[in-house]
Amino acid sequence: KKAYAAPSVLTREELSLLSAFAPTWCGHDNDAEFRAHFPQRVALSPAPSLGACAFVEGAWEKLEGLGLGAAIDAYDTVIRVGHPPPEDAKVDVRHQGKRTDVRFMEGRHLEEAGAPGDPEARSL
C-alpha cells in the first residue's frame, strides 16, 4: 500500500475537479486511488454564536446625553471599538452602558488602558 504525505485540506471532489488541471498532486498521480485517501467532505465545526451584538464604535464621550446605555447592555454581546474612558472619568452608564464583552483598540492605547501581559502579544 502506498503512503501519501499530502495535506488533507482538500476533499475528494475538489481533487477530482483539479485533476483536469493538475494530473499530479504532491508528486502522486491524481487518480481515484490517490483521492481515496482524502476525506469525502470536510466537516467544519460551527462557529460559536455571539448572539445579537451591539457594535459600539467611536470615542466614549460621543455617547454622552444619548441615553443608550440600557439598549446597549440588552444585547447578548457588546463589542466596542476604541479606547476605554480613563479611570478618573465620570462615565454615566445611562448613556454608555456597563458591559464590554469584546474591545478592539490600537496597540498604542493598550498601555494607557493598563492591559496586562507581553506588549508584543497584545498588539494586533
Foldseek 3Di string as FASTA:
>chain_A
DDDDDDDQPDALVRLVVCCVVPCADPRHGSDPVVRVVHHNDDDDDDDDDLFFEDEAEDDLVVQPPVQCLVVRVVTSAYEYEEADDQPPDDHDSSRRHDDHPHYHYALVCCVVNVPDDDSVVPGD
